[in-house]
Every structure is written in structure tokens, then in C-alpha cells.
Amino acid sequence: GLEAKIASLNLLLSYEIKYHLYLDL
């Protein structure tokens, strides 16, 4: 069929401020 290409990069920085409270960039 028609060729479809998908490329992705996902970067994460996650810091736990308090118990189970996270700041995600």
C-alpha cells in the first residue's frame, strides 16, 4: 500500500518533589 513512516523521540526528566508528587519536563 502507500508507505507511511513515523519516527519519534520522547525525552523525559521527572523529579519527585514530595511523596508521589512529580514535576515532569
mmCIF file of all heavy atoms, coordinates in Angstrom:
data_MODEL
# 
_entry.id   MODEL 
# 
loop_
_atom_site.group_PDB 
_atom_site.id 
_atom_site.type_symbol 
_atom_site.label_atom_id 
_atom_site.label_alt_id 
_atom_site.label_comp_id 
_atom_site.label_asym_id 
_atom_site.label_entity_id 
_atom_site.label_seq_id 
_atom_site.pdbx_PDB_ins_code 
_atom_site.Cartn_x 
_atom_site.Cartn_y 
_atom_site.Cartn_z 
_atom_site.occupancy 
_atom_site.B_iso_or_equiv 
_atom_site.pdbx_formal_charge 
_atom_site.auth_seq_id 
_atom_site.auth_comp_id 
_atom_site.auth_asym_id 
_atom_site.auth_atom_id 
_atom_site.pdbx_PDB_model_num 
ATOM 1   N N   . GLY A 1 1  ? 0.836  -1.197 0.000  1.00 0.00 ? 1  GLY A N   1 
ATOM 2   C CA  . GLY A 1 1  ? 0.000  0.000  0.000  1.00 0.00 ? 1  GLY A CA  1 
ATOM 3   C C   . GLY A 1 1  ? 0.870  1.246  0.000  1.00 0.00 ? 1  GLY A C   1 
ATOM 4   O O   . GLY A 1 1  ? 2.056  1.214  -0.350 1.00 0.00 ? 1  GLY A O   1 
ATOM 5   N N   . LEU A 1 2  ? 0.303  2.357  0.396  1.00 0.00 ? 2  LEU A N   1 
ATOM 6   C CA  . LEU A 1 2  ? 1.059  3.605  0.472  1.00 0.00 ? 2  LEU A CA  1 
ATOM 7   C C   . LEU A 1 2  ? 1.980  3.570  1.685  1.00 0.00 ? 2  LEU A C   1 
ATOM 8   O O   . LEU A 1 2  ? 1.529  3.355  2.814  1.00 0.00 ? 2  LEU A O   1 
ATOM 9   C CB  . LEU A 1 2  ? 0.111  4.803  0.586  1.00 0.00 ? 2  LEU A CB  1 
ATOM 10  C CG  . LEU A 1 2  ? -0.591 5.271  -0.693 1.00 0.00 ? 2  LEU A CG  1 
ATOM 11  C CD1 . LEU A 1 2  ? -1.487 6.455  -0.383 1.00 0.00 ? 2  LEU A CD1 1 
ATOM 12  C CD2 . LEU A 1 2  ? 0.416  5.633  -1.772 1.00 0.00 ? 2  LEU A CD2 1 
ATOM 13  N N   . GLU A 1 3  ? 3.256  3.794  1.470  1.00 0.00 ? 3  GLU A N   1 
ATOM 14  C CA  . GLU A 1 3  ? 4.215  3.729  2.562  1.00 0.00 ? 3  GLU A CA  1 
ATOM 15  C C   . GLU A 1 3  ? 4.025  4.907  3.517  1.00 0.00 ? 3  GLU A C   1 
ATOM 16  O O   . GLU A 1 3  ? 3.920  6.057  3.113  1.00 0.00 ? 3  GLU A O   1 
ATOM 17  C CB  . GLU A 1 3  ? 5.642  3.741  2.023  1.00 0.00 ? 3  GLU A CB  1 
ATOM 18  C CG  . GLU A 1 3  ? 6.686  3.593  3.117  1.00 0.00 ? 3  GLU A CG  1 
ATOM 19  C CD  . GLU A 1 3  ? 8.102  3.655  2.597  1.00 0.00 ? 3  GLU A CD  1 
ATOM 20  O OE1 . GLU A 1 3  ? 8.367  4.505  1.716  1.00 0.00 ? 3  GLU A OE1 1 
ATOM 21  O OE2 . GLU A 1 3  ? 8.945  2.865  3.046  1.00 0.00 ? 3  GLU A OE2 1 
ATOM 22  N N   . ALA A 1 4  ? 3.986  4.572  4.811  1.00 0.00 ? 4  ALA A N   1 
ATOM 23  C CA  . ALA A 1 4  ? 3.908  5.589  5.862  1.00 0.00 ? 4  ALA A CA  1 
ATOM 24  C C   . ALA A 1 4  ? 5.029  5.321  6.854  1.00 0.00 ? 4  ALA A C   1 
ATOM 25  O O   . ALA A 1 4  ? 5.151  4.218  7.387  1.00 0.00 ? 4  ALA A O   1 
ATOM 26  C CB  . ALA A 1 4  ? 2.554  5.539  6.569  1.00 0.00 ? 4  ALA A CB  1 
ATOM 27  N N   . LYS A 1 5  ? 5.842  6.328  7.099  1.00 0.00 ? 5  LYS A N   1 
ATOM 28  C CA  . LYS A 1 5  ? 6.935  6.208  8.052  1.00 0.00 ? 5  LYS A CA  1 
ATOM 29  C C   . LYS A 1 5  ? 6.721  7.189  9.192  1.00 0.00 ? 5  LYS A C   1 
ATOM 30  O O   . LYS A 1 5  ? 6.360  8.349  8.972  1.00 0.00 ? 5  LYS A O   1 
ATOM 31  C CB  . LYS A 1 5  ? 8.278  6.510  7.384  1.00 0.00 ? 5  LYS A CB  1 
ATOM 32  C CG  . LYS A 1 5  ? 8.703  5.499  6.330  1.00 0.00 ? 5  LYS A CG  1 
ATOM 33  C CD  . LYS A 1 5  ? 10.048 5.876  5.750  1.00 0.00 ? 5  LYS A CD  1 
ATOM 34  C CE  . LYS A 1 5  ? 10.513 4.868  4.711  1.00 0.00 ? 5  LYS A CE  1 
ATOM 35  N NZ  . LYS A 1 5  ? 11.833 5.253  4.122  1.00 0.00 ? 5  LYS A NZ  1 
ATOM 36  N N   . ILE A 1 6  ? 6.929  6.697  10.412 1.00 0.00 ? 6  ILE A N   1 
ATOM 37  C CA  . ILE A 1 6  ? 6.823  7.542  11.605 1.00 0.00 ? 6  ILE A CA  1 
ATOM 38  C C   . ILE A 1 6  ? 8.058  7.310  12.460 1.00 0.00 ? 6  ILE A C   1 
ATOM 39  O O   . ILE A 1 6  ? 8.400  6.169  12.771 1.00 0.00 ? 6  ILE A O   1 
ATOM 40  C CB  . ILE A 1 6  ? 5.555  7.211  12.424 1.00 0.00 ? 6  ILE A CB  1 
ATOM 41  C CG1 . ILE A 1 6  ? 4.294  7.434  11.596 1.00 0.00 ? 6  ILE A CG1 1 
ATOM 42  C CG2 . ILE A 1 6  ? 5.511  8.058  13.690 1.00 0.00 ? 6  ILE A CG2 1 
ATOM 43  C CD1 . ILE A 1 6  ? 3.028  6.961  12.285 1.00 0.00 ? 6  ILE A CD1 1 
ATOM 44  N N   . ALA A 1 7  ? 8.726  8.381  12.808 1.00 0.00 ? 7  ALA A N   1 
ATOM 45  C CA  . ALA A 1 7  ? 9.867  8.316  13.722 1.00 0.00 ? 7  ALA A CA  1 
ATOM 46  C C   . ALA A 1 7  ? 9.639  9.334  14.830 1.00 0.00 ? 7  ALA A C   1 
ATOM 47  O O   . ALA A 1 7  ? 9.214  10.464 14.566 1.00 0.00 ? 7  ALA A O   1 
ATOM 48  C CB  . ALA A 1 7  ? 11.173 8.606  12.984 1.00 0.00 ? 7  ALA A CB  1 
ATOM 49  N N   . SER A 1 8  ? 9.898  8.922  16.063 1.00 0.00 ? 8  SER A N   1 
ATOM 50  C CA  . SER A 1 8  ? 9.694  9.864  17.168 1.00 0.00 ? 8  SER A CA  1 
ATOM 51  C C   . SER A 1 8  ? 10.757 9.668  18.238 1.00 0.00 ? 8  SER A C   1 
ATOM 52  O O   . SER A 1 8  ? 11.288 8.576  18.432 1.00 0.00 ? 8  SER A O   1 
ATOM 53  C CB  . SER A 1 8  ? 8.294  9.701  17.787 1.00 0.00 ? 8  SER A CB  1 
ATOM 54  O OG  . SER A 1 8  ? 8.186  8.497  18.513 1.00 0.00 ? 8  SER A OG  1 
ATOM 55  N N   . LEU A 1 9  ? 11.037 10.764 18.919 1.00 0.00 ? 9  LEU A N   1 
ATOM 56  C CA  . LEU A 1 9  ? 11.952 10.782 20.056 1.00 0.00 ? 9  LEU A CA  1 
ATOM 57  C C   . LEU A 1 9  ? 11.229 11.446 21.215 1.00 0.00 ? 9  LEU A C   1 
ATOM 58  O O   . LEU A 1 9  ? 10.721 12.567 21.081 1.00 0.00 ? 9  LEU A O   1 
ATOM 59  C CB  . LEU A 1 9  ? 13.226 11.560 19.713 1.00 0.00 ? 9  LEU A CB  1 
ATOM 60  C CG  . LEU A 1 9  ? 14.169 11.868 20.873 1.00 0.00 ? 9  LEU A CG  1 
ATOM 61  C CD1 . LEU A 1 9  ? 14.770 10.593 21.449 1.00 0.00 ? 9  LEU A CD1 1 
ATOM 62  C CD2 . LEU A 1 9  ? 15.266 12.840 20.441 1.00 0.00 ? 9  LEU A CD2 1 
ATOM 63  N N   . ASN A 1 10 ? 11.180 10.760 22.346 1.00 0.00 ? 10 ASN A N   1 
ATOM 64  C CA  . ASN A 1 10 ? 10.485 11.283 23.524 1.00 0.00 ? 10 ASN A CA  1 
ATOM 65  C C   . ASN A 1 10 ? 11.471 11.333 24.681 1.00 0.00 ? 10 ASN A C   1 
ATOM 66  O O   . ASN A 1 10 ? 11.993 10.292 25.103 1.00 0.00 ? 10 ASN A O   1 
ATOM 67  C CB  . ASN A 1 10 ? 9.297  10.373 23.877 1.00 0.00 ? 10 ASN A CB  1 
ATOM 68  C CG  . ASN A 1 10 ? 8.259  11.089 24.715 1.00 0.00 ? 10 ASN A CG  1 
ATOM 69  O OD1 . ASN A 1 10 ? 8.606  11.921 25.548 1.00 0.00 ? 10 ASN A OD1 1 
ATOM 70  N ND2 . ASN A 1 10 ? 6.996  10.765 24.505 1.00 0.00 ? 10 ASN A ND2 1 
ATOM 71  N N   . LEU A 1 11 ? 11.760 12.529 25.182 1.00 0.00 ? 11 LEU A N   1 
ATOM 72  C CA  . LEU A 1 11 ? 12.700 12.724 26.280 1.00 0.00 ? 11 LEU A CA  1 
ATOM 73  C C   . LEU A 1 11 ? 11.944 13.179 27.526 1.00 0.00 ? 11 LEU A C   1 
ATOM 74  O O   . LEU A 1 11 ? 11.020 13.992 27.442 1.00 0.00 ? 11 LEU A O   1 
ATOM 75  C CB  . LEU A 1 11 ? 13.756 13.772 25.914 1.00 0.00 ? 11 LEU A CB  1 
ATOM 76  C CG  . LEU A 1 11 ? 14.604 13.484 24.677 1.00 0.00 ? 11 LEU A CG  1 
ATOM 77  C CD1 . LEU A 1 11 ? 15.555 14.641 24.405 1.00 0.00 ? 11 LEU A CD1 1 
ATOM 78  C CD2 . LEU A 1 11 ? 15.371 12.173 24.824 1.00 0.00 ? 11 LEU A CD2 1 
ATOM 79  N N   . LEU A 1 12 ? 12.373 12.659 28.679 1.00 0.00 ? 12 LEU A N   1 
ATOM 80  C CA  . LEU A 1 12 ? 11.680 12.959 29.939 1.00 0.00 ? 12 LEU A CA  1 
ATOM 81  C C   . LEU A 1 12 ? 12.692 13.192 31.057 1.00 0.00 ? 12 LEU A C   1 
ATOM 82  O O   . LEU A 1 12 ? 13.658 12.437 31.207 1.00 0.00 ? 12 LEU A O   1 
ATOM 83  C CB  . LEU A 1 12 ? 10.753 11.804 30.323 1.00 0.00 ? 12 LEU A CB  1 
ATOM 84  C CG  . LEU A 1 12 ? 10.156 11.835 31.737 1.00 0.00 ? 12 LEU A CG  1 
ATOM 85  C CD1 . LEU A 1 12 ? 9.132  12.961 31.860 1.00 0.00 ? 12 LEU A CD1 1 
ATOM 86  C CD2 . LEU A 1 12 ? 9.535  10.495 32.096 1.00 0.00 ? 12 LEU A CD2 1 
ATOM 87  N N   . LEU A 1 13 ? 12.443 14.229 31.834 1.00 0.00 ? 13 LEU A N   1 
ATOM 88  C CA  . LEU A 1 13 ? 13.109 14.441 33.113 1.00 0.00 ? 13 LEU A CA  1 
ATOM 89  C C   . LEU A 1 13 ? 12.009 14.527 34.160 1.00 0.00 ? 13 LEU A C   1 
ATOM 90  O O   . LEU A 1 13 ? 11.154 15.417 34.098 1.00 0.00 ? 13 LEU A O   1 
ATOM 91  C CB  . LEU A 1 13 ? 13.941 15.720 33.098 1.00 0.00 ? 13 LEU A CB  1 
ATOM 92  C CG  . LEU A 1 13 ? 14.804 16.014 34.335 1.00 0.00 ? 13 LEU A CG  1 
ATOM 93  C CD1 . LEU A 1 13 ? 15.990 16.879 33.960 1.00 0.00 ? 13 LEU A CD1 1 
ATOM 94  C CD2 . LEU A 1 13 ? 13.998 16.699 35.450 1.00 0.00 ? 13 LEU A CD2 1 
ATOM 95  N N   . SER A 1 14 ? 12.026 13.597 35.111 1.00 0.00 ? 14 SER A N   1 
ATOM 96  C CA  . SER A 1 14 ? 10.975 13.541 36.128 1.00 0.00 ? 14 SER A CA  1 
ATOM 97  C C   . SER A 1 14 ? 11.610 13.589 37.516 1.00 0.00 ? 14 SER A C   1 
ATOM 98  O O   . SER A 1 14 ? 12.501 12.786 37.825 1.00 0.00 ? 14 SER A O   1 
ATOM 99  C CB  . SER A 1 14 ? 10.147 12.261 35.967 1.00 0.00 ? 14 SER A CB  1 
ATOM 100 O OG  . SER A 1 14 ? 9.105  12.208 36.913 1.00 0.00 ? 14 SER A OG  1 
ATOM 101 N N   . TYR A 1 15 ? 11.147 14.525 38.328 1.00 0.00 ? 15 TYR A N   1 
ATOM 102 C CA  . TYR A 1 15 ? 11.687 14.675 39.687 1.00 0.00 ? 15 TYR A CA  1 
ATOM 103 C C   . TYR A 1 15 ? 10.546 14.586 40.697 1.00 0.00 ? 15 TYR A C   1 
ATOM 104 O O   . TYR A 1 15 ? 9.512  15.253 40.556 1.00 0.00 ? 15 TYR A O   1 
ATOM 105 C CB  . TYR A 1 15 ? 12.403 16.015 39.844 1.00 0.00 ? 15 TYR A CB  1 
ATOM 106 C CG  . TYR A 1 15 ? 13.048 16.185 41.202 1.00 0.00 ? 15 TYR A CG  1 
ATOM 107 C CD1 . TYR A 1 15 ? 14.226 15.505 41.511 1.00 0.00 ? 15 TYR A CD1 1 
ATOM 108 C CD2 . TYR A 1 15 ? 12.467 16.995 42.169 1.00 0.00 ? 15 TYR A CD2 1 
ATOM 109 C CE1 . TYR A 1 15 ? 14.817 15.641 42.763 1.00 0.00 ? 15 TYR A CE1 1 
ATOM 110 C CE2 . TYR A 1 15 ? 13.052 17.138 43.424 1.00 0.00 ? 15 TYR A CE2 1 
ATOM 111 C CZ  . TYR A 1 15 ? 14.227 16.452 43.713 1.00 0.00 ? 15 TYR A CZ  1 
ATOM 112 O OH  . TYR A 1 15 ? 14.801 16.580 44.959 1.00 0.00 ? 15 TYR A OH  1 
ATOM 113 N N   . GLU A 1 16 ? 10.743 13.759 41.713 1.00 0.00 ? 16 GLU A N   1 
ATOM 114 C CA  . GLU A 1 16 ? 9.736  13.574 42.762 1.00 0.00 ? 16 GLU A CA  1 
ATOM 115 C C   . GLU A 1 16 ? 9.953  14.639 43.837 1.00 0.00 ? 16 GLU A C   1 
ATOM 116 O O   . GLU A 1 16 ? 10.881 14.541 44.654 1.00 0.00 ? 16 GLU A O   1 
ATOM 117 C CB  . GLU A 1 16 ? 9.833  12.170 43.352 1.00 0.00 ? 16 GLU A CB  1 
ATOM 118 C CG  . GLU A 1 16 ? 8.722  11.849 44.317 1.00 0.00 ? 16 GLU A CG  1 
ATOM 119 C CD  . GLU A 1 16 ? 8.810  10.439 44.872 1.00 0.00 ? 16 GLU A CD  1 
ATOM 120 O OE1 . GLU A 1 16 ? 9.910  9.844  44.806 1.00 0.00 ? 16 GLU A OE1 1 
ATOM 121 O OE2 . GLU A 1 16 ? 7.786  9.927  45.375 1.00 0.00 ? 16 GLU A OE2 1 
ATOM 122 N N   . ILE A 1 17 ? 9.074  15.638 43.842 1.00 0.00 ? 17 ILE A N   1 
ATOM 123 C CA  . ILE A 1 17 ? 9.200  16.746 44.789 1.00 0.00 ? 17 ILE A CA  1 
ATOM 124 C C   . ILE A 1 17 ? 8.874  16.293 46.204 1.00 0.00 ? 17 ILE A C   1 
ATOM 125 O O   . ILE A 1 17 ? 9.628  16.537 47.155 1.00 0.00 ? 17 ILE A O   1 
ATOM 126 C CB  . ILE A 1 17 ? 8.258  17.898 44.376 1.00 0.00 ? 17 ILE A CB  1 
ATOM 127 C CG1 . ILE A 1 17 ? 8.547  18.339 42.944 1.00 0.00 ? 17 ILE A CG1 1 
ATOM 128 C CG2 . ILE A 1 17 ? 8.400  19.074 45.331 1.00 0.00 ? 17 ILE A CG2 1 
ATOM 129 C CD1 . ILE A 1 17 ? 7.512  19.289 42.389 1.00 0.00 ? 17 ILE A CD1 1 
ATOM 130 N N   . LYS A 1 18 ? 7.733  15.663 46.349 1.00 0.00 ? 18 LYS A N   1 
ATOM 131 C CA  . LYS A 1 18 ? 7.280  15.052 47.600 1.00 0.00 ? 18 LYS A CA  1 
ATOM 132 C C   . LYS A 1 18 ? 6.785  13.659 47.253 1.00 0.00 ? 18 LYS A C   1 
ATOM 133 O O   . LYS A 1 18 ? 6.772  13.270 46.093 1.00 0.00 ? 18 LYS A O   1 
ATOM 134 C CB  . LYS A 1 18 ? 6.163  15.890 48.240 1.00 0.00 ? 18 LYS A CB  1 
ATOM 135 C CG  . LYS A 1 18 ? 6.577  17.295 48.640 1.00 0.00 ? 18 LYS A CG  1 
ATOM 136 C CD  . LYS A 1 18 ? 7.450  17.332 49.880 1.00 0.00 ? 18 LYS A CD  1 
ATOM 137 C CE  . LYS A 1 18 ? 6.618  17.076 51.139 1.00 0.00 ? 18 LYS A CE  1 
ATOM 138 N NZ  . LYS A 1 18 ? 7.429  17.219 52.371 1.00 0.00 ? 18 LYS A NZ  1 
ATOM 139 N N   . TYR A 1 19 ? 6.349  12.944 48.266 1.00 0.00 ? 19 TYR A N   1 
ATOM 140 C CA  . TYR A 1 19 ? 5.949  11.561 48.044 1.00 0.00 ? 19 TYR A CA  1 
ATOM 141 C C   . TYR A 1 19 ? 4.841  11.482 46.969 1.00 0.00 ? 19 TYR A C   1 
ATOM 142 O O   . TYR A 1 19 ? 3.749  12.018 47.144 1.00 0.00 ? 19 TYR A O   1 
ATOM 143 C CB  . TYR A 1 19 ? 5.448  10.940 49.350 1.00 0.00 ? 19 TYR A CB  1 
ATOM 144 C CG  . TYR A 1 19 ? 5.445  9.437  49.341 1.00 0.00 ? 19 TYR A CG  1 
ATOM 145 C CD1 . TYR A 1 19 ? 6.536  8.719  49.797 1.00 0.00 ? 19 TYR A CD1 1 
ATOM 146 C CD2 . TYR A 1 19 ? 4.347  8.730  48.865 1.00 0.00 ? 19 TYR A CD2 1 
ATOM 147 C CE1 . TYR A 1 19 ? 6.551  7.337  49.802 1.00 0.00 ? 19 TYR A CE1 1 
ATOM 148 C CE2 . TYR A 1 19 ? 4.351  7.348  48.842 1.00 0.00 ? 19 TYR A CE2 1 
ATOM 149 C CZ  . TYR A 1 19 ? 5.446  6.649  49.311 1.00 0.00 ? 19 TYR A CZ  1 
ATOM 150 O OH  . TYR A 1 19 ? 5.451  5.270  49.287 1.00 0.00 ? 19 TYR A OH  1 
ATOM 151 N N   . HIS A 1 20 ? 5.148  10.835 45.815 1.00 0.00 ? 20 HIS A N   1 
ATOM 152 C CA  . HIS A 1 20 ? 4.234  10.647 44.692 1.00 0.00 ? 20 HIS A CA  1 
ATOM 153 C C   . HIS A 1 20 ? 3.755  11.969 44.073 1.00 0.00 ? 20 HIS A C   1 
ATOM 154 O O   . HIS A 1 20 ? 2.717  11.996 43.405 1.00 0.00 ? 20 HIS A O   1 
ATOM 155 C CB  . HIS A 1 20 ? 3.025  9.802  45.098 1.00 0.00 ? 20 HIS A CB  1 
ATOM 156 C CG  . HIS A 1 20 ? 3.363  8.354  45.334 1.00 0.00 ? 20 HIS A CG  1 
ATOM 157 N ND1 . HIS A 1 20 ? 4.460  7.753  44.790 1.00 0.00 ? 20 HIS A ND1 1 
ATOM 158 C CD2 . HIS A 1 20 ? 2.718  7.390  46.054 1.00 0.00 ? 20 HIS A CD2 1 
ATOM 159 C CE1 . HIS A 1 20 ? 4.497  6.475  45.173 1.00 0.00 ? 20 HIS A CE1 1 
ATOM 160 N NE2 . HIS A 1 20 ? 3.465  6.241  45.935 1.00 0.00 ? 20 HIS A NE2 1 
ATOM 161 N N   . LEU A 1 21 ? 4.494  13.039 44.305 1.00 0.00 ? 21 LEU A N   1 
ATOM 162 C CA  . LEU A 1 21 ? 4.229  14.321 43.653 1.00 0.00 ? 21 LEU A CA  1 
ATOM 163 C C   . LEU A 1 21 ? 5.417  14.614 42.737 1.00 0.00 ? 21 LEU A C   1 
ATOM 164 O O   . LEU A 1 21 ? 6.539  14.825 43.215 1.00 0.00 ? 21 LEU A O   1 
ATOM 165 C CB  . LEU A 1 21 ? 4.052  15.437 44.686 1.00 0.00 ? 21 LEU A CB  1 
ATOM 166 C CG  . LEU A 1 21 ? 3.853  16.853 44.118 1.00 0.00 ? 21 LEU A CG  1 
ATOM 167 C CD1 . LEU A 1 21 ? 2.568  16.947 43.314 1.00 0.00 ? 21 LEU A CD1 1 
ATOM 168 C CD2 . LEU A 1 21 ? 3.864  17.883 45.249 1.00 0.00 ? 21 LEU A CD2 1 
ATOM 169 N N   . TYR A 1 22 ? 5.175  14.631 41.412 1.00 0.00 ? 22 TYR A N   1 
ATOM 170 C CA  . TYR A 1 22 ? 6.251  14.691 40.439 1.00 0.00 ? 22 TYR A CA  1 
ATOM 171 C C   . TYR A 1 22 ? 6.179  15.964 39.602 1.00 0.00 ? 22 TYR A C   1 
ATOM 172 O O   . TYR A 1 22 ? 5.087  16.448 39.274 1.00 0.00 ? 22 TYR A O   1 
ATOM 173 C CB  . TYR A 1 22 ? 6.180  13.495 39.484 1.00 0.00 ? 22 TYR A CB  1 
ATOM 174 C CG  . TYR A 1 22 ? 6.329  12.155 40.162 1.00 0.00 ? 22 TYR A CG  1 
ATOM 175 C CD1 . TYR A 1 22 ? 5.211  11.476 40.649 1.00 0.00 ? 22 TYR A CD1 1 
ATOM 176 C CD2 . TYR A 1 22 ? 7.581  11.562 40.313 1.00 0.00 ? 22 TYR A CD2 1 
ATOM 177 C CE1 . TYR A 1 22 ? 5.336  10.254 41.270 1.00 0.00 ? 22 TYR A CE1 1 
ATOM 178 C CE2 . TYR A 1 22 ? 7.716  10.327 40.934 1.00 0.00 ? 22 TYR A CE2 1 
ATOM 179 C CZ  . TYR A 1 22 ? 6.591  9.681  41.408 1.00 0.00 ? 22 TYR A CZ  1 
ATOM 180 O OH  . TYR A 1 22 ? 6.718  8.461  42.021 1.00 0.00 ? 22 TYR A OH  1 
ATOM 181 N N   . LEU A 1 23 ? 7.347  16.457 39.235 1.00 0.00 ? 23 LEU A N   1 
ATOM 182 C CA  . LEU A 1 23 ? 7.470  17.514 38.247 1.00 0.00 ? 23 LEU A CA  1 
ATOM 183 C C   . LEU A 1 23 ? 8.118  16.896 37.012 1.00 0.00 ? 23 LEU A C   1 
ATOM 184 O O   . LEU A 1 23 ? 9.242  16.383 37.077 1.00 0.00 ? 23 LEU A O   1 
ATOM 185 C CB  . LEU A 1 23 ? 8.339  18.660 38.784 1.00 0.00 ? 23 LEU A CB  1 
ATOM 186 C CG  . LEU A 1 23 ? 8.564  19.836 37.816 1.00 0.00 ? 23 LEU A CG  1 
ATOM 187 C CD1 . LEU A 1 23 ? 7.252  20.567 37.560 1.00 0.00 ? 23 LEU A CD1 1 
ATOM 188 C CD2 . LEU A 1 23 ? 9.621  20.785 38.361 1.00 0.00 ? 23 LEU A CD2 1 
ATOM 189 N N   . ASP A 1 24 ? 7.409  16.936 35.879 1.00 0.00 ? 24 ASP A N   1 
ATOM 190 C CA  . ASP A 1 24 ? 7.872  16.313 34.639 1.00 0.00 ? 24 ASP A CA  1 
ATOM 191 C C   . ASP A 1 24 ? 8.178  17.375 33.593 1.00 0.00 ? 24 ASP A C   1 
ATOM 192 O O   . ASP A 1 24 ? 7.344  18.256 33.322 1.00 0.00 ? 24 ASP A O   1 
ATOM 193 C CB  . ASP A 1 24 ? 6.803  15.371 34.062 1.00 0.00 ? 24 ASP A CB  1 
ATOM 194 C CG  . ASP A 1 24 ? 6.485  14.207 34.977 1.00 0.00 ? 24 ASP A CG  1 
ATOM 195 O OD1 . ASP A 1 24 ? 7.358  13.834 35.783 1.00 0.00 ? 24 ASP A OD1 1 
ATOM 196 O OD2 . ASP A 1 24 ? 5.353  13.674 34.885 1.00 0.00 ? 24 ASP A OD2 1 
ATOM 197 N N   . LEU A 1 25 ? 9.358  17.294 32.999 1.00 0.00 ? 25 LEU A N   1 
ATOM 198 C CA  . LEU A 1 25 ? 9.712  18.089 31.829 1.00 0.00 ? 25 LEU A CA  1 
ATOM 199 C C   . LEU A 1 25 ? 9.891  17.128 30.669 1.00 0.00 ? 25 LEU A C   1 
ATOM 200 O O   . LEU A 1 25 ? 10.660 16.156 30.777 1.00 0.00 ? 25 LEU A O   1 
ATOM 201 C CB  . LEU A 1 25 ? 11.009 18.873 32.066 1.00 0.00 ? 25 LEU A CB  1 
ATOM 202 C CG  . LEU A 1 25 ? 11.017 19.875 33.218 1.00 0.00 ? 25 LEU A CG  1 
ATOM 203 C CD1 . LEU A 1 25 ? 12.412 20.474 33.385 1.00 0.00 ? 25 LEU A CD1 1 
ATOM 204 C CD2 . LEU A 1 25 ? 9.996  20.968 32.992 1.00 0.00 ? 25 LEU A CD2 1 
# 
